[in-house]
N, C-alpha and C. Protein backbone atom coordinates (compact mmCIF):
# COMPACT_ATOMS: atom_id res chain seq x y z
N MET A 1 67.91 16.72 -23.42
CA MET A 1 69.22 16.42 -23.96
C MET A 1 69.68 15.08 -23.38
N ALA A 2 70.17 14.21 -24.25
CA ALA A 2 70.70 12.93 -23.80
C ALA A 2 72.02 13.14 -23.10
N THR A 3 72.26 12.37 -22.07
CA THR A 3 73.52 12.49 -21.34
C THR A 3 74.17 11.12 -21.24
N ASN A 4 75.46 11.13 -21.00
CA ASN A 4 76.23 9.91 -20.81
C ASN A 4 76.99 10.00 -19.50
N LYS A 5 77.20 8.87 -18.90
CA LYS A 5 77.94 8.82 -17.65
C LYS A 5 79.37 8.41 -17.96
N ILE A 6 80.34 9.11 -17.35
CA ILE A 6 81.75 8.78 -17.53
C ILE A 6 82.42 8.73 -16.17
N ALA A 7 83.57 8.11 -16.12
CA ALA A 7 84.39 8.09 -14.90
C ALA A 7 85.64 8.90 -15.18
N ILE A 8 86.00 9.76 -14.24
CA ILE A 8 87.21 10.57 -14.40
C ILE A 8 88.02 10.53 -13.11
N THR A 9 89.27 10.86 -13.22
CA THR A 9 90.15 10.95 -12.06
C THR A 9 90.54 12.41 -11.89
N ILE A 10 90.39 12.92 -10.67
CA ILE A 10 90.64 14.34 -10.40
C ILE A 10 91.58 14.46 -9.19
N ASP A 11 92.52 15.37 -9.30
CA ASP A 11 93.44 15.68 -8.22
C ASP A 11 92.64 16.10 -6.97
N GLU A 12 93.14 15.75 -5.78
CA GLU A 12 92.44 16.05 -4.53
C GLU A 12 92.17 17.54 -4.34
N LYS A 13 93.16 18.38 -4.65
CA LYS A 13 92.98 19.83 -4.47
C LYS A 13 91.89 20.35 -5.40
N LEU A 14 91.88 19.85 -6.62
CA LEU A 14 90.86 20.27 -7.57
C LEU A 14 89.48 19.82 -7.10
N MET A 15 89.40 18.60 -6.58
CA MET A 15 88.13 18.09 -6.07
C MET A 15 87.64 18.92 -4.88
N SER A 16 88.55 19.34 -4.03
CA SER A 16 88.18 20.18 -2.88
C SER A 16 87.62 21.51 -3.35
N ARG A 17 88.25 22.09 -4.36
CA ARG A 17 87.74 23.36 -4.91
C ARG A 17 86.36 23.17 -5.51
N LEU A 18 86.19 22.07 -6.22
CA LEU A 18 84.90 21.76 -6.84
C LEU A 18 83.83 21.58 -5.76
N ASP A 19 84.14 20.81 -4.74
CA ASP A 19 83.18 20.58 -3.66
C ASP A 19 82.82 21.87 -2.93
N ARG A 20 83.79 22.76 -2.79
CA ARG A 20 83.51 24.05 -2.14
C ARG A 20 82.49 24.86 -2.95
N LEU A 21 82.64 24.86 -4.28
CA LEU A 21 81.70 25.58 -5.13
C LEU A 21 80.30 24.97 -5.07
N VAL A 22 80.25 23.66 -4.98
CA VAL A 22 78.95 22.99 -4.85
C VAL A 22 78.33 23.33 -3.49
N ALA A 23 79.14 23.31 -2.44
CA ALA A 23 78.66 23.64 -1.09
C ALA A 23 78.15 25.09 -1.03
N GLU A 24 78.80 25.98 -1.77
CA GLU A 24 78.38 27.38 -1.83
C GLU A 24 77.17 27.58 -2.74
N ARG A 25 76.69 26.49 -3.32
CA ARG A 25 75.53 26.48 -4.21
C ARG A 25 75.76 27.27 -5.50
N ARG A 26 77.02 27.35 -5.91
CA ARG A 26 77.32 27.99 -7.20
C ARG A 26 77.02 27.02 -8.32
N PHE A 27 77.00 25.72 -7.98
CA PHE A 27 76.57 24.66 -8.89
C PHE A 27 75.68 23.71 -8.10
N PRO A 28 74.70 23.11 -8.76
CA PRO A 28 73.80 22.21 -8.02
C PRO A 28 74.49 20.89 -7.61
N ASN A 29 75.51 20.49 -8.37
CA ASN A 29 76.22 19.24 -8.06
C ASN A 29 77.53 19.20 -8.84
N ARG A 30 78.33 18.20 -8.54
CA ARG A 30 79.63 18.06 -9.20
C ARG A 30 79.46 17.88 -10.71
N SER A 31 78.52 17.04 -11.09
CA SER A 31 78.34 16.75 -12.51
C SER A 31 78.07 18.02 -13.30
N ARG A 32 77.19 18.86 -12.78
CA ARG A 32 76.85 20.09 -13.51
C ARG A 32 78.06 21.02 -13.59
N ALA A 33 78.82 21.11 -12.52
CA ALA A 33 80.02 21.96 -12.51
C ALA A 33 81.03 21.49 -13.54
N ILE A 34 81.25 20.18 -13.59
CA ILE A 34 82.21 19.63 -14.54
C ILE A 34 81.71 19.80 -15.97
N GLN A 35 80.42 19.58 -16.17
CA GLN A 35 79.84 19.75 -17.50
C GLN A 35 80.01 21.18 -18.00
N GLU A 36 79.72 22.15 -17.14
CA GLU A 36 79.87 23.56 -17.54
C GLU A 36 81.34 23.91 -17.80
N ALA A 37 82.24 23.36 -17.00
CA ALA A 37 83.67 23.64 -17.20
C ALA A 37 84.15 23.08 -18.53
N ILE A 38 83.72 21.88 -18.85
CA ILE A 38 84.12 21.27 -20.12
C ILE A 38 83.55 22.06 -21.29
N GLU A 39 82.29 22.45 -21.18
CA GLU A 39 81.65 23.21 -22.26
C GLU A 39 82.37 24.54 -22.48
N GLU A 40 82.70 25.23 -21.39
CA GLU A 40 83.40 26.50 -21.49
C GLU A 40 84.78 26.33 -22.13
N LYS A 41 85.50 25.29 -21.73
CA LYS A 41 86.83 25.04 -22.29
C LYS A 41 86.74 24.71 -23.78
N LEU A 42 85.79 23.86 -24.16
CA LEU A 42 85.64 23.51 -25.57
C LEU A 42 85.27 24.73 -26.41
N ASP A 43 84.40 25.59 -25.88
CA ASP A 43 84.04 26.82 -26.60
C ASP A 43 85.27 27.68 -26.83
N ARG A 44 86.11 27.78 -25.79
CA ARG A 44 87.33 28.58 -25.90
C ARG A 44 88.29 28.00 -26.93
N VAL A 45 88.46 26.69 -26.91
CA VAL A 45 89.35 26.02 -27.87
C VAL A 45 88.85 26.23 -29.29
N GLU A 46 87.54 26.04 -29.49
CA GLU A 46 86.97 26.22 -30.83
C GLU A 46 87.08 27.66 -31.29
N HIS A 47 86.88 28.61 -30.39
CA HIS A 47 87.00 30.03 -30.74
C HIS A 47 88.43 30.37 -31.13
N ASN A 48 89.39 29.82 -30.39
CA ASN A 48 90.80 30.07 -30.71
C ASN A 48 91.15 29.50 -32.07
N ARG A 49 90.61 28.35 -32.39
CA ARG A 49 90.87 27.75 -33.70
C ARG A 49 90.31 28.63 -34.80
N LEU A 50 89.10 29.13 -34.60
CA LEU A 50 88.49 30.03 -35.58
C LEU A 50 89.33 31.29 -35.74
N SER A 51 89.82 31.82 -34.64
CA SER A 51 90.67 33.02 -34.69
C SER A 51 91.95 32.76 -35.46
N ARG A 52 92.56 31.59 -35.24
CA ARG A 52 93.80 31.26 -35.96
C ARG A 52 93.54 31.13 -37.45
N GLU A 53 92.43 30.49 -37.82
CA GLU A 53 92.11 30.33 -39.23
C GLU A 53 91.79 31.69 -39.87
N ALA A 54 91.07 32.54 -39.16
CA ALA A 54 90.74 33.86 -39.69
C ALA A 54 92.01 34.70 -39.88
N ALA A 55 92.98 34.51 -39.00
CA ALA A 55 94.23 35.27 -39.10
C ALA A 55 95.01 34.90 -40.35
N LYS A 56 94.76 33.74 -40.91
CA LYS A 56 95.46 33.30 -42.12
C LYS A 56 94.92 33.99 -43.38
N LEU A 57 93.75 34.60 -43.28
CA LEU A 57 93.14 35.23 -44.45
C LEU A 57 93.90 36.49 -44.84
N ASP A 58 93.94 36.75 -46.12
CA ASP A 58 94.53 37.98 -46.65
C ASP A 58 93.43 39.03 -46.66
N ARG A 59 93.53 40.00 -45.76
CA ARG A 59 92.47 41.00 -45.61
C ARG A 59 92.19 41.77 -46.89
N ARG A 60 93.25 42.14 -47.61
CA ARG A 60 93.04 42.90 -48.86
C ARG A 60 92.30 42.07 -49.90
N PHE A 61 92.66 40.81 -50.02
CA PHE A 61 92.00 39.93 -50.98
C PHE A 61 90.55 39.71 -50.59
N GLU A 62 90.29 39.49 -49.31
CA GLU A 62 88.91 39.29 -48.84
C GLU A 62 88.07 40.55 -49.07
N GLN A 63 88.67 41.72 -48.84
CA GLN A 63 87.95 42.97 -49.08
C GLN A 63 87.66 43.14 -50.55
N MET A 64 88.62 42.77 -51.41
CA MET A 64 88.42 42.86 -52.85
C MET A 64 87.23 41.98 -53.28
N LEU A 65 87.17 40.77 -52.73
CA LEU A 65 86.05 39.89 -53.05
C LEU A 65 84.72 40.48 -52.60
N ALA A 66 84.72 41.06 -51.41
CA ALA A 66 83.49 41.67 -50.90
C ALA A 66 83.08 42.86 -51.75
N ASP A 67 84.06 43.69 -52.12
CA ASP A 67 83.76 44.87 -52.94
C ASP A 67 83.32 44.50 -54.34
N GLU A 68 83.81 43.40 -54.85
CA GLU A 68 83.48 42.96 -56.19
C GLU A 68 81.97 42.77 -56.35
N GLY A 69 81.34 42.29 -55.32
CA GLY A 69 79.90 42.09 -55.36
C GLY A 69 79.12 43.39 -55.29
N LEU A 70 79.79 44.49 -54.95
CA LEU A 70 79.12 45.78 -54.81
C LEU A 70 79.34 46.70 -56.01
N VAL A 71 80.02 46.21 -57.05
CA VAL A 71 80.34 47.04 -58.20
C VAL A 71 79.08 47.56 -58.86
N GLY A 72 78.11 46.68 -59.10
CA GLY A 72 76.84 47.11 -59.69
C GLY A 72 75.99 47.81 -58.67
N GLY A 73 75.07 48.61 -59.13
CA GLY A 73 74.17 49.30 -58.21
C GLY A 73 73.07 48.36 -57.71
N ALA A 74 72.31 48.83 -56.79
CA ALA A 74 71.22 48.03 -56.21
C ALA A 74 70.16 47.70 -57.24
N GLU A 75 70.07 48.49 -58.31
CA GLU A 75 69.06 48.23 -59.34
C GLU A 75 69.33 46.92 -60.08
N GLU A 76 70.58 46.43 -60.03
CA GLU A 76 70.92 45.18 -60.67
C GLU A 76 70.59 43.97 -59.82
N TRP A 77 70.28 44.19 -58.55
CA TRP A 77 70.00 43.08 -57.65
C TRP A 77 68.59 42.56 -57.92
N PRO A 78 68.39 41.25 -57.77
CA PRO A 78 67.04 40.71 -57.99
C PRO A 78 66.06 41.20 -56.93
N THR A 79 64.80 41.31 -57.31
CA THR A 79 63.75 41.71 -56.38
C THR A 79 63.11 40.46 -55.79
N TYR A 80 62.92 40.45 -54.49
CA TYR A 80 62.30 39.31 -53.83
C TYR A 80 60.96 39.70 -53.28
């Protein structure tokens, strides 16, 4: 996987917490810890967005669409 180098500014207390986790060998280095934290946060943000969009759906209408495809029996489905 290609990687890029960036510069960031971090609060001293946050840096101390990060360094403690690296010292405890919970992460191999600062970069890996920050990378995993960013990935986890982005996954959470994207999941929340998906949840918000799904909440906008009309469940009855979506069920009607799903059921509509099941009106015919399996004998009407193409054979593969």
